[in-house]
Amino acid sequence: MISSSAVAAIAVFALGLVLTPGPNMVYLVSRSVTQGRRAGMISLAGVAAGFLVYVTAVTAGVATVFALVPEVYTAIKVAGAAYLLWLAWQAVRPGGTTPFAPKDLPADPPRRLFAMGLVTNLLNPKIAILYVSLLPQFTDPERGHVGVQIMLLSLTQITIAITVNALIVLGAGGIAVFLARRPGWQRAQRYLMGSALAGLAVHLGFTRTAAH
């Protein structure tokens, strides 16, 4: 149904995205450092629920839009590649900060932790653009139902995001200390992620648009 190259590209992008500081990472790390691993995991469950909301919404509508207006695919492709380049710049630009030096947060009960994780993900511009602009361009109408392809690619992204975020939650305290003592490692990490994102953007820019 979906090509191995599409899965590999989504996997690379998902890894780069989850390792690039953003609202989800900042919130999860803050909760884990200030309130413990259990609080971080409950918050992560809320983040996962947010992913499922995006998958449901995008899967339900993207196939119809592409069938009626194929040109939308081209516009999405351009927007997605531009967003990748923007993420690459954010990763390597001078003055970048690490999410592992979060602000203190008051302790919250489990229900609020879950709700805040959900809301943080739903309002995360990186995730919104990922599902609206990037995932659809890895589909191919000739390979079957576009909505099903979106769902399968989304599951790839979600698996990587949840796995990496869970590891971050479990090791947040130790990672914070490690990075605070090694600023050079932080810079190397940012340049590595920025290079990977830029390379993927160039690759997408030279691939063909939707099949007609």
N, C-alpha and C. Protein backbone atom coordinates (compact mmCIF):
# COMPACT_ATOMS: atom_id res chain seq x y z
N MET A 1 0.83 -1.21 0.00
CA MET A 1 0.00 0.00 0.00
C MET A 1 0.86 1.26 0.00
N ILE A 2 1.82 1.34 0.91
CA ILE A 2 2.72 2.49 0.93
C ILE A 2 4.14 1.99 0.68
N SER A 3 4.94 2.84 0.06
CA SER A 3 6.30 2.43 -0.30
C SER A 3 7.21 2.45 0.92
N SER A 4 8.26 1.62 0.86
CA SER A 4 9.23 1.59 1.96
C SER A 4 9.99 2.91 2.06
N SER A 5 10.18 3.57 0.91
CA SER A 5 10.87 4.86 0.93
C SER A 5 10.04 5.92 1.65
N ALA A 6 8.72 5.87 1.48
CA ALA A 6 7.85 6.82 2.18
C ALA A 6 7.89 6.58 3.68
N VAL A 7 7.86 5.32 4.09
CA VAL A 7 7.93 5.00 5.51
C VAL A 7 9.26 5.45 6.09
N ALA A 8 10.35 5.21 5.35
CA ALA A 8 11.68 5.60 5.82
C ALA A 8 11.78 7.12 5.95
N ALA A 9 11.24 7.83 4.97
CA ALA A 9 11.30 9.30 5.02
C ALA A 9 10.51 9.83 6.21
N ILE A 10 9.32 9.28 6.45
CA ILE A 10 8.52 9.71 7.59
C ILE A 10 9.23 9.38 8.89
N ALA A 11 9.88 8.22 8.94
CA ALA A 11 10.60 7.83 10.15
C ALA A 11 11.73 8.82 10.45
N VAL A 12 12.48 9.20 9.42
CA VAL A 12 13.57 10.16 9.60
C VAL A 12 13.02 11.50 10.05
N PHE A 13 11.97 11.95 9.40
CA PHE A 13 11.39 13.24 9.77
C PHE A 13 10.82 13.19 11.18
N ALA A 14 10.11 12.11 11.52
CA ALA A 14 9.52 11.99 12.84
C ALA A 14 10.59 12.03 13.93
N LEU A 15 11.72 11.37 13.67
CA LEU A 15 12.82 11.37 14.64
C LEU A 15 13.39 12.77 14.78
N GLY A 16 13.61 13.44 13.65
CA GLY A 16 14.12 14.81 13.70
C GLY A 16 13.16 15.74 14.41
N LEU A 17 11.86 15.55 14.15
CA LEU A 17 10.85 16.42 14.75
C LEU A 17 10.78 16.23 16.26
N VAL A 18 10.78 14.99 16.72
CA VAL A 18 10.63 14.73 18.15
C VAL A 18 11.89 15.16 18.92
N LEU A 19 13.04 15.19 18.24
CA LEU A 19 14.27 15.62 18.90
C LEU A 19 14.51 17.12 18.78
N THR A 20 13.68 17.80 17.99
CA THR A 20 13.77 19.26 17.86
C THR A 20 12.91 19.89 18.94
N PRO A 21 13.47 20.74 19.80
CA PRO A 21 12.68 21.32 20.89
C PRO A 21 11.39 21.98 20.41
N GLY A 22 10.32 21.69 21.12
CA GLY A 22 9.02 22.26 20.79
C GLY A 22 8.12 22.19 22.01
N PRO A 23 6.85 22.61 21.86
CA PRO A 23 5.92 22.63 23.01
C PRO A 23 5.78 21.29 23.72
N ASN A 24 5.66 20.20 22.94
CA ASN A 24 5.50 18.89 23.57
C ASN A 24 6.69 18.53 24.44
N MET A 25 7.90 18.69 23.89
CA MET A 25 9.09 18.33 24.64
C MET A 25 9.24 19.19 25.88
N VAL A 26 9.02 20.48 25.74
CA VAL A 26 9.16 21.39 26.88
C VAL A 26 8.19 21.00 27.99
N TYR A 27 6.94 20.72 27.61
CA TYR A 27 5.95 20.38 28.63
C TYR A 27 6.27 19.05 29.31
N LEU A 28 6.61 18.04 28.52
CA LEU A 28 6.91 16.72 29.09
C LEU A 28 8.13 16.75 29.99
N VAL A 29 9.17 17.45 29.55
CA VAL A 29 10.39 17.54 30.37
C VAL A 29 10.11 18.31 31.65
N SER A 30 9.37 19.41 31.54
CA SER A 30 9.05 20.21 32.72
C SER A 30 8.31 19.38 33.76
N ARG A 31 7.32 18.63 33.29
CA ARG A 31 6.55 17.80 34.22
C ARG A 31 7.41 16.70 34.83
N SER A 32 8.24 16.11 34.02
CA SER A 32 9.07 15.00 34.51
C SER A 32 10.10 15.47 35.53
N VAL A 33 10.70 16.63 35.28
CA VAL A 33 11.73 17.14 36.18
C VAL A 33 11.11 17.66 37.49
N THR A 34 9.96 18.34 37.40
CA THR A 34 9.39 18.98 38.58
C THR A 34 8.42 18.09 39.35
N GLN A 35 7.78 17.10 38.67
CA GLN A 35 6.75 16.32 39.34
C GLN A 35 6.99 14.81 39.26
N GLY A 36 8.02 14.38 38.56
CA GLY A 36 8.35 12.96 38.53
C GLY A 36 7.97 12.26 37.24
N ARG A 37 8.49 11.05 37.08
CA ARG A 37 8.28 10.28 35.86
C ARG A 37 6.82 9.91 35.64
N ARG A 38 6.11 9.58 36.72
CA ARG A 38 4.71 9.20 36.57
C ARG A 38 3.90 10.35 35.96
N ALA A 39 4.14 11.56 36.43
CA ALA A 39 3.45 12.73 35.88
C ALA A 39 3.82 12.92 34.41
N GLY A 40 5.09 12.67 34.08
CA GLY A 40 5.51 12.79 32.69
C GLY A 40 4.81 11.79 31.81
N MET A 41 4.64 10.56 32.28
CA MET A 41 3.99 9.52 31.48
C MET A 41 2.50 9.81 31.30
N ILE A 42 1.85 10.32 32.33
CA ILE A 42 0.43 10.69 32.20
C ILE A 42 0.29 11.81 31.18
N SER A 43 1.19 12.78 31.24
CA SER A 43 1.17 13.87 30.26
C SER A 43 1.40 13.34 28.85
N LEU A 44 2.29 12.35 28.73
CA LEU A 44 2.57 11.75 27.42
C LEU A 44 1.34 11.03 26.88
N ALA A 45 0.55 10.43 27.75
CA ALA A 45 -0.70 9.79 27.30
C ALA A 45 -1.63 10.83 26.68
N GLY A 46 -1.67 12.02 27.25
CA GLY A 46 -2.47 13.09 26.66
C GLY A 46 -1.94 13.52 25.31
N VAL A 47 -0.61 13.57 25.18
CA VAL A 47 0.01 13.90 23.89
C VAL A 47 -0.37 12.85 22.84
N ALA A 48 -0.33 11.58 23.23
CA ALA A 48 -0.69 10.50 22.31
C ALA A 48 -2.13 10.63 21.85
N ALA A 49 -3.02 11.00 22.77
CA ALA A 49 -4.42 11.20 22.39
C ALA A 49 -4.55 12.33 21.37
N GLY A 50 -3.73 13.35 21.50
CA GLY A 50 -3.74 14.44 20.53
C GLY A 50 -3.35 13.98 19.14
N PHE A 51 -2.36 13.09 19.06
CA PHE A 51 -1.98 12.52 17.77
C PHE A 51 -3.15 11.80 17.12
N LEU A 52 -3.90 11.03 17.91
CA LEU A 52 -5.02 10.27 17.37
C LEU A 52 -6.12 11.20 16.85
N VAL A 53 -6.31 12.34 17.51
CA VAL A 53 -7.29 13.33 17.03
C VAL A 53 -6.89 13.84 15.65
N TYR A 54 -5.60 14.16 15.48
CA TYR A 54 -5.12 14.64 14.19
C TYR A 54 -5.26 13.56 13.12
N VAL A 55 -4.90 12.32 13.45
CA VAL A 55 -5.00 11.24 12.48
C VAL A 55 -6.44 11.08 11.99
N THR A 56 -7.38 11.07 12.91
CA THR A 56 -8.79 10.91 12.56
C THR A 56 -9.27 12.03 11.65
N ALA A 57 -8.93 13.26 12.00
CA ALA A 57 -9.39 14.41 11.23
C ALA A 57 -8.80 14.43 9.83
N VAL A 58 -7.50 14.20 9.73
CA VAL A 58 -6.84 14.27 8.43
C VAL A 58 -7.23 13.10 7.54
N THR A 59 -7.31 11.90 8.11
CA THR A 59 -7.67 10.73 7.32
C THR A 59 -9.07 10.86 6.74
N ALA A 60 -9.96 11.48 7.48
CA ALA A 60 -11.34 11.60 7.03
C ALA A 60 -11.50 12.54 5.85
N GLY A 61 -10.61 13.54 5.74
CA GLY A 61 -10.84 14.53 4.71
C GLY A 61 -9.85 14.62 3.58
N VAL A 62 -8.65 14.11 3.76
CA VAL A 62 -7.61 14.38 2.78
C VAL A 62 -7.86 13.69 1.45
N ALA A 63 -8.40 12.48 1.45
CA ALA A 63 -8.61 11.77 0.20
C ALA A 63 -9.61 12.50 -0.69
N THR A 64 -10.67 13.03 -0.08
CA THR A 64 -11.68 13.75 -0.85
C THR A 64 -11.12 15.01 -1.47
N VAL A 65 -10.33 15.74 -0.68
CA VAL A 65 -9.75 16.99 -1.19
C VAL A 65 -8.83 16.71 -2.37
N PHE A 66 -7.97 15.71 -2.26
CA PHE A 66 -7.05 15.39 -3.35
C PHE A 66 -7.78 14.94 -4.60
N ALA A 67 -8.88 14.22 -4.43
CA ALA A 67 -9.63 13.74 -5.59
C ALA A 67 -10.31 14.89 -6.32
N LEU A 68 -10.81 15.87 -5.59
CA LEU A 68 -11.52 16.99 -6.20
C LEU A 68 -10.58 18.06 -6.73
N VAL A 69 -9.50 18.31 -6.02
CA VAL A 69 -8.57 19.39 -6.42
C VAL A 69 -7.14 18.85 -6.34
N PRO A 70 -6.65 18.19 -7.38
CA PRO A 70 -5.28 17.63 -7.35
C PRO A 70 -4.20 18.69 -7.12
N GLU A 71 -4.48 19.94 -7.52
CA GLU A 71 -3.48 20.99 -7.36
C GLU A 71 -3.15 21.25 -5.89
N VAL A 72 -4.09 20.88 -5.01
CA VAL A 72 -3.85 21.08 -3.58
C VAL A 72 -2.62 20.28 -3.14
N TYR A 73 -2.40 19.13 -3.77
CA TYR A 73 -1.25 18.30 -3.44
C TYR A 73 0.06 19.05 -3.67
N THR A 74 0.12 19.75 -4.81
CA THR A 74 1.33 20.52 -5.14
C THR A 74 1.56 21.63 -4.12
N ALA A 75 0.48 22.33 -3.75
CA ALA A 75 0.60 23.41 -2.78
C ALA A 75 1.06 22.88 -1.43
N ILE A 76 0.52 21.73 -1.03
CA ILE A 76 0.91 21.12 0.23
C ILE A 76 2.38 20.71 0.20
N LYS A 77 2.80 20.20 -0.94
CA LYS A 77 4.20 19.77 -1.10
C LYS A 77 5.15 20.94 -0.89
N VAL A 78 4.86 22.06 -1.52
CA VAL A 78 5.71 23.24 -1.39
C VAL A 78 5.73 23.75 0.05
N ALA A 79 4.54 23.81 0.66
CA ALA A 79 4.45 24.28 2.03
C ALA A 79 5.21 23.35 2.98
N GLY A 80 5.11 22.05 2.75
CA GLY A 80 5.80 21.09 3.60
C GLY A 80 7.30 21.21 3.51
N ALA A 81 7.81 21.35 2.28
CA ALA A 81 9.26 21.49 2.09
C ALA A 81 9.76 22.77 2.75
N ALA A 82 8.98 23.85 2.62
CA ALA A 82 9.37 25.12 3.24
C ALA A 82 9.40 24.99 4.76
N TYR A 83 8.44 24.25 5.30
CA TYR A 83 8.40 24.06 6.75
C TYR A 83 9.60 23.26 7.25
N LEU A 84 10.01 22.27 6.48
CA LEU A 84 11.19 21.50 6.84
C LEU A 84 12.42 22.39 6.90
N LEU A 85 12.55 23.28 5.92
CA LEU A 85 13.69 24.20 5.91
C LEU A 85 13.63 25.15 7.11
N TRP A 86 12.43 25.57 7.47
CA TRP A 86 12.28 26.45 8.64
C TRP A 86 12.70 25.72 9.91
N LEU A 87 12.29 24.45 10.04
CA LEU A 87 12.69 23.66 11.20
C LEU A 87 14.21 23.49 11.25
N ALA A 88 14.81 23.28 10.07
CA ALA A 88 16.26 23.13 10.01
C ALA A 88 16.95 24.40 10.51
N TRP A 89 16.44 25.55 10.09
CA TRP A 89 17.02 26.82 10.54
C TRP A 89 16.84 27.00 12.04
N GLN A 90 15.66 26.66 12.57
CA GLN A 90 15.43 26.78 14.00
C GLN A 90 16.38 25.90 14.80
N ALA A 91 16.78 24.76 14.21
CA ALA A 91 17.68 23.85 14.91
C ALA A 91 19.10 24.38 14.99
N VAL A 92 19.55 25.09 13.95
CA VAL A 92 20.96 25.50 13.90
C VAL A 92 21.18 26.98 14.18
N ARG A 93 20.13 27.75 14.29
CA ARG A 93 20.31 29.19 14.46
C ARG A 93 21.01 29.50 15.78
N PRO A 94 21.77 30.60 15.83
CA PRO A 94 22.47 30.98 17.06
C PRO A 94 21.47 31.30 18.17
N GLY A 95 21.88 31.04 19.37
CA GLY A 95 21.04 31.40 20.52
C GLY A 95 19.96 30.40 20.85
N GLY A 96 20.00 29.22 20.25
CA GLY A 96 18.99 28.21 20.56
C GLY A 96 19.10 27.77 22.03
N THR A 97 17.95 27.47 22.60
CA THR A 97 17.93 27.05 24.00
C THR A 97 17.53 25.58 24.10
N THR A 98 17.82 24.98 25.21
CA THR A 98 17.46 23.58 25.42
C THR A 98 16.21 23.48 26.29
N PRO A 99 15.30 22.56 25.95
CA PRO A 99 14.11 22.39 26.77
C PRO A 99 14.41 21.72 28.11
N PHE A 100 15.64 21.25 28.29
CA PHE A 100 15.99 20.56 29.52
C PHE A 100 16.40 21.53 30.62
N ALA A 101 16.06 22.81 30.45
CA ALA A 101 16.20 23.77 31.53
C ALA A 101 14.83 24.43 31.70
N PRO A 102 13.79 23.65 32.02
CA PRO A 102 12.43 24.17 32.04
C PRO A 102 12.13 25.01 33.28
N LYS A 103 11.05 25.77 33.18
CA LYS A 103 10.60 26.54 34.33
C LYS A 103 9.87 25.62 35.30
N ASP A 104 9.90 26.00 36.57
CA ASP A 104 9.18 25.21 37.56
C ASP A 104 7.68 25.33 37.32
N LEU A 105 6.98 24.22 37.52
CA LEU A 105 5.53 24.19 37.35
C LEU A 105 4.89 23.66 38.62
N PRO A 106 3.70 24.15 38.97
CA PRO A 106 3.01 23.62 40.15
C PRO A 106 2.54 22.20 39.90
N ALA A 107 2.46 21.39 40.95
CA ALA A 107 2.01 20.00 40.82
C ALA A 107 0.53 19.97 40.42
N ASP A 108 0.19 19.10 39.48
CA ASP A 108 -1.18 18.96 39.01
C ASP A 108 -1.66 17.52 39.18
N PRO A 109 -2.97 17.31 39.34
CA PRO A 109 -3.52 15.96 39.45
C PRO A 109 -3.49 15.26 38.09
N PRO A 110 -3.62 13.92 38.08
CA PRO A 110 -3.53 13.15 36.83
C PRO A 110 -4.46 13.64 35.73
N ARG A 111 -5.71 13.95 36.07
CA ARG A 111 -6.66 14.38 35.03
C ARG A 111 -6.18 15.65 34.34
N ARG A 112 -5.65 16.59 35.10
CA ARG A 112 -5.16 17.82 34.50
C ARG A 112 -3.88 17.57 33.70
N LEU A 113 -3.02 16.68 34.18
CA LEU A 113 -1.81 16.35 33.44
C LEU A 113 -2.15 15.80 32.06
N PHE A 114 -3.12 14.88 32.02
CA PHE A 114 -3.54 14.30 30.74
C PHE A 114 -4.13 15.37 29.83
N ALA A 115 -5.01 16.20 30.40
CA ALA A 115 -5.68 17.24 29.61
C ALA A 115 -4.67 18.23 29.05
N MET A 116 -3.69 18.62 29.87
CA MET A 116 -2.69 19.58 29.40
C MET A 116 -1.80 18.97 28.33
N GLY A 117 -1.49 17.68 28.44
CA GLY A 117 -0.72 17.02 27.39
C GLY A 117 -1.50 17.01 26.08
N LEU A 118 -2.80 16.72 26.17
CA LEU A 118 -3.66 16.71 24.98
C LEU A 118 -3.73 18.09 24.34
N VAL A 119 -4.00 19.10 25.15
CA VAL A 119 -4.14 20.47 24.63
C VAL A 119 -2.82 20.98 24.06
N THR A 120 -1.72 20.68 24.75
CA THR A 120 -0.40 21.12 24.27
C THR A 120 -0.12 20.56 22.88
N ASN A 121 -0.47 19.29 22.66
CA ASN A 121 -0.23 18.68 21.36
C ASN A 121 -1.18 19.22 20.29
N LEU A 122 -2.45 19.40 20.64
CA LEU A 122 -3.42 19.91 19.67
C LEU A 122 -3.08 21.33 19.22
N LEU A 123 -2.47 22.09 20.11
CA LEU A 123 -2.12 23.48 19.78
C LEU A 123 -0.67 23.63 19.34
N ASN A 124 0.01 22.51 19.15
CA ASN A 124 1.41 22.53 18.72
C ASN A 124 1.49 22.78 17.21
N PRO A 125 2.01 23.91 16.77
CA PRO A 125 2.04 24.20 15.33
C PRO A 125 2.88 23.20 14.54
N LYS A 126 3.91 22.63 15.16
CA LYS A 126 4.74 21.64 14.45
C LYS A 126 3.90 20.42 14.08
N ILE A 127 3.07 19.96 15.00
CA ILE A 127 2.28 18.77 14.75
C ILE A 127 1.14 19.08 13.78
N ALA A 128 0.54 20.25 13.91
CA ALA A 128 -0.54 20.62 12.99
C ALA A 128 -0.05 20.65 11.55
N ILE A 129 1.11 21.27 11.32
CA ILE A 129 1.64 21.35 9.96
C ILE A 129 2.10 19.98 9.48
N LEU A 130 2.60 19.16 10.40
CA LEU A 130 3.01 17.81 10.03
C LEU A 130 1.85 17.04 9.39
N TYR A 131 0.71 17.07 10.04
CA TYR A 131 -0.42 16.28 9.55
C TYR A 131 -1.15 16.93 8.38
N VAL A 132 -1.18 18.24 8.36
CA VAL A 132 -1.90 18.93 7.28
C VAL A 132 -1.05 19.06 6.02
N SER A 133 0.24 19.32 6.18
CA SER A 133 1.08 19.65 5.03
C SER A 133 2.10 18.59 4.64
N LEU A 134 2.63 17.84 5.59
CA LEU A 134 3.74 16.94 5.28
C LEU A 134 3.31 15.50 4.99
N LEU A 135 2.56 14.89 5.88
CA LEU A 135 2.18 13.50 5.67
C LEU A 135 1.49 13.26 4.33
N PRO A 136 0.55 14.13 3.90
CA PRO A 136 -0.14 13.86 2.63
C PRO A 136 0.80 13.78 1.43
N GLN A 137 1.92 14.49 1.45
CA GLN A 137 2.78 14.49 0.27
C GLN A 137 3.61 13.22 0.14
N PHE A 138 3.58 12.36 1.14
CA PHE A 138 4.25 11.07 1.05
C PHE A 138 3.32 9.97 0.53
N THR A 139 2.10 10.36 0.19
CA THR A 139 1.16 9.39 -0.36
C THR A 139 1.24 9.36 -1.87
N ASP A 140 0.69 8.33 -2.46
CA ASP A 140 0.65 8.18 -3.91
C ASP A 140 -0.72 7.62 -4.28
N PRO A 141 -1.57 8.41 -4.96
CA PRO A 141 -2.91 7.95 -5.32
C PRO A 141 -2.91 6.64 -6.10
N GLU A 142 -1.83 6.34 -6.79
CA GLU A 142 -1.77 5.10 -7.56
C GLU A 142 -1.60 3.87 -6.67
N ARG A 143 -1.26 4.08 -5.40
CA ARG A 143 -1.03 2.96 -4.50
C ARG A 143 -2.25 2.61 -3.67
N GLY A 144 -3.37 3.24 -3.94
CA GLY A 144 -4.58 2.92 -3.20
C GLY A 144 -5.17 4.12 -2.48
N HIS A 145 -6.08 3.84 -1.57
CA HIS A 145 -6.81 4.89 -0.86
C HIS A 145 -5.84 5.78 -0.09
N VAL A 146 -5.92 7.08 -0.37
CA VAL A 146 -4.99 8.03 0.25
C VAL A 146 -5.19 8.09 1.77
N GLY A 147 -6.46 8.00 2.19
CA GLY A 147 -6.73 8.05 3.63
C GLY A 147 -6.07 6.91 4.38
N VAL A 148 -6.08 5.72 3.80
CA VAL A 148 -5.44 4.57 4.44
C VAL A 148 -3.93 4.77 4.49
N GLN A 149 -3.37 5.31 3.43
CA GLN A 149 -1.92 5.58 3.42
C GLN A 149 -1.56 6.58 4.51
N ILE A 150 -2.38 7.62 4.66
CA ILE A 150 -2.15 8.62 5.71
C ILE A 150 -2.16 7.96 7.08
N MET A 151 -3.11 7.05 7.29
CA MET A 151 -3.21 6.38 8.59
C MET A 151 -1.97 5.55 8.88
N LEU A 152 -1.50 4.80 7.89
CA LEU A 152 -0.32 3.95 8.09
C LEU A 152 0.93 4.78 8.34
N LEU A 153 1.08 5.87 7.58
CA LEU A 153 2.23 6.75 7.80
C LEU A 153 2.15 7.43 9.16
N SER A 154 0.93 7.78 9.56
CA SER A 154 0.73 8.41 10.87
C SER A 154 1.14 7.48 11.99
N LEU A 155 0.79 6.19 11.86
CA LEU A 155 1.16 5.21 12.88
C LEU A 155 2.68 5.10 13.01
N THR A 156 3.38 5.23 11.89
CA THR A 156 4.85 5.23 11.93
C THR A 156 5.36 6.41 12.74
N GLN A 157 4.81 7.59 12.43
CA GLN A 157 5.23 8.79 13.14
C GLN A 157 4.89 8.73 14.62
N ILE A 158 3.69 8.26 14.93
CA ILE A 158 3.25 8.20 16.33
C ILE A 158 4.11 7.23 17.13
N THR A 159 4.42 6.08 16.55
CA THR A 159 5.24 5.09 17.24
C THR A 159 6.59 5.67 17.62
N ILE A 160 7.21 6.36 16.67
CA ILE A 160 8.52 6.96 16.95
C ILE A 160 8.41 8.08 17.97
N ALA A 161 7.40 8.93 17.81
CA ALA A 161 7.23 10.06 18.72
C ALA A 161 6.99 9.60 20.15
N ILE A 162 6.11 8.63 20.33
CA ILE A 162 5.80 8.16 21.67
C ILE A 162 6.99 7.45 22.29
N THR A 163 7.68 6.63 21.51
CA THR A 163 8.85 5.89 22.03
C THR A 163 9.94 6.85 22.49
N VAL A 164 10.29 7.80 21.63
CA VAL A 164 11.36 8.74 21.97
C VAL A 164 10.94 9.63 23.14
N ASN A 165 9.70 10.11 23.13
CA ASN A 165 9.24 10.95 24.23
C ASN A 165 9.21 10.19 25.55
N ALA A 166 8.85 8.90 25.50
CA ALA A 166 8.86 8.10 26.72
C ALA A 166 10.27 7.98 27.28
N LEU A 167 11.25 7.78 26.39
CA LEU A 167 12.65 7.71 26.83
C LEU A 167 13.10 9.04 27.42
N ILE A 168 12.64 10.13 26.81
CA ILE A 168 13.00 11.46 27.31
C ILE A 168 12.40 11.68 28.69
N VAL A 169 11.14 11.26 28.86
CA VAL A 169 10.49 11.41 30.16
C VAL A 169 11.24 10.62 31.22
N LEU A 170 11.61 9.39 30.91
CA LEU A 170 12.29 8.53 31.87
C LEU A 170 13.68 9.06 32.23
N GLY A 171 14.34 9.70 31.28
CA GLY A 171 15.70 10.18 31.53
C GLY A 171 15.85 11.67 31.63
N ALA A 172 14.72 12.38 31.82
CA ALA A 172 14.75 13.85 31.77
C ALA A 172 15.73 14.44 32.78
N GLY A 173 15.69 13.95 34.01
CA GLY A 173 16.58 14.51 35.03
C GLY A 173 18.04 14.34 34.68
N GLY A 174 18.43 13.12 34.29
CA GLY A 174 19.82 12.86 33.94
C GLY A 174 20.25 13.60 32.69
N ILE A 175 19.34 13.69 31.70
CA ILE A 175 19.66 14.41 30.47
C ILE A 175 19.89 15.89 30.76
N ALA A 176 19.06 16.45 31.63
CA ALA A 176 19.20 17.87 31.96
C ALA A 176 20.59 18.16 32.53
N VAL A 177 21.04 17.30 33.44
CA VAL A 177 22.37 17.48 34.03
C VAL A 177 23.46 17.30 32.98
N PHE A 178 23.31 16.26 32.15
CA PHE A 178 24.31 15.96 31.12
C PHE A 178 24.49 17.13 30.17
N LEU A 179 23.37 17.66 29.65
CA LEU A 179 23.45 18.75 28.67
C LEU A 179 23.93 20.06 29.30
N ALA A 180 23.56 20.27 30.55
CA ALA A 180 24.00 21.51 31.22
C ALA A 180 25.52 21.55 31.33
N ARG A 181 26.14 20.38 31.44
CA ARG A 181 27.58 20.31 31.58
C ARG A 181 28.31 20.21 30.25
N ARG A 182 27.59 20.01 29.15
CA ARG A 182 28.22 19.80 27.85
C ARG A 182 27.54 20.64 26.76
N PRO A 183 27.73 21.95 26.77
CA PRO A 183 27.10 22.81 25.75
C PRO A 183 27.56 22.48 24.34
N GLY A 184 28.77 21.97 24.19
CA GLY A 184 29.24 21.60 22.85
C GLY A 184 28.42 20.47 22.25
N TRP A 185 27.99 19.53 23.09
CA TRP A 185 27.17 18.42 22.62
C TRP A 185 25.80 18.93 22.15
N GLN A 186 25.27 19.93 22.84
CA GLN A 186 24.00 20.52 22.43
C GLN A 186 24.11 21.10 21.02
N ARG A 187 25.19 21.82 20.76
CA ARG A 187 25.37 22.42 19.44
C ARG A 187 25.49 21.35 18.37
N ALA A 188 26.25 20.29 18.65
CA ALA A 188 26.40 19.21 17.68
C ALA A 188 25.05 18.56 17.38
N GLN A 189 24.23 18.36 18.40
CA GLN A 189 22.92 17.76 18.20
C GLN A 189 22.05 18.64 17.31
N ARG A 190 22.08 19.94 17.55
CA ARG A 190 21.26 20.85 16.75
C ARG A 190 21.68 20.82 15.28
N TYR A 191 22.98 20.82 15.03
CA TYR A 191 23.47 20.80 13.65
C TYR A 191 23.15 19.48 12.95
N LEU A 192 23.20 18.38 13.69
CA LEU A 192 22.87 17.08 13.11
C LEU A 192 21.40 17.04 12.70
N MET A 193 20.53 17.48 13.58
CA MET A 193 19.10 17.47 13.27
C MET A 193 18.78 18.46 12.15
N GLY A 194 19.43 19.63 12.18
CA GLY A 194 19.19 20.62 11.14
C GLY A 194 19.60 20.11 9.78
N SER A 195 20.72 19.42 9.70
CA SER A 195 21.19 18.86 8.43
C SER A 195 20.23 17.80 7.90
N ALA A 196 19.73 16.94 8.80
CA ALA A 196 18.79 15.89 8.39
C ALA A 196 17.49 16.49 7.86
N LEU A 197 16.98 17.50 8.53
CA LEU A 197 15.73 18.14 8.10
C LEU A 197 15.91 18.86 6.76
N ALA A 198 17.03 19.56 6.61
CA ALA A 198 17.29 20.25 5.35
C ALA A 198 17.43 19.27 4.20
N GLY A 199 18.11 18.16 4.46
CA GLY A 199 18.26 17.15 3.41
C GLY A 199 16.93 16.57 2.98
N LEU A 200 16.04 16.33 3.93
CA LEU A 200 14.72 15.81 3.59
C LEU A 200 13.91 16.84 2.80
N ALA A 201 14.05 18.12 3.15
CA ALA A 201 13.35 19.17 2.42
C ALA A 201 13.79 19.21 0.97
N VAL A 202 15.10 19.10 0.72
CA VAL A 202 15.63 19.10 -0.64
C VAL A 202 15.12 17.88 -1.40
N HIS A 203 15.10 16.73 -0.73
CA HIS A 203 14.60 15.50 -1.37
C HIS A 203 13.15 15.67 -1.81
N LEU A 204 12.33 16.22 -0.93
CA LEU A 204 10.92 16.41 -1.27
C LEU A 204 10.76 17.42 -2.40
N GLY A 205 11.61 18.41 -2.42
CA GLY A 205 11.51 19.44 -3.45
C GLY A 205 11.78 18.90 -4.84
N PHE A 206 12.56 17.82 -4.95
CA PHE A 206 12.89 17.28 -6.26
C PHE A 206 12.09 16.04 -6.64
N THR A 207 11.20 15.59 -5.74
CA THR A 207 10.34 14.45 -6.10
C THR A 207 9.13 14.95 -6.84
N ARG A 208 8.49 14.03 -7.56
CA ARG A 208 7.35 14.44 -8.36
C ARG A 208 6.16 14.78 -7.46
N THR A 209 5.22 15.51 -8.05
CA THR A 209 4.01 15.87 -7.34
C THR A 209 2.99 14.76 -7.50
N ALA A 210 1.78 15.04 -7.15
CA ALA A 210 0.75 13.99 -7.17
C ALA A 210 0.53 13.43 -8.56
N ALA A 211 0.19 12.14 -8.59
CA ALA A 211 -0.16 11.52 -9.87
C ALA A 211 -1.53 11.96 -10.30
N HIS A 212 -1.68 12.19 -11.60
CA HIS A 212 -2.97 12.64 -12.12
C HIS A 212 -3.62 11.53 -12.90
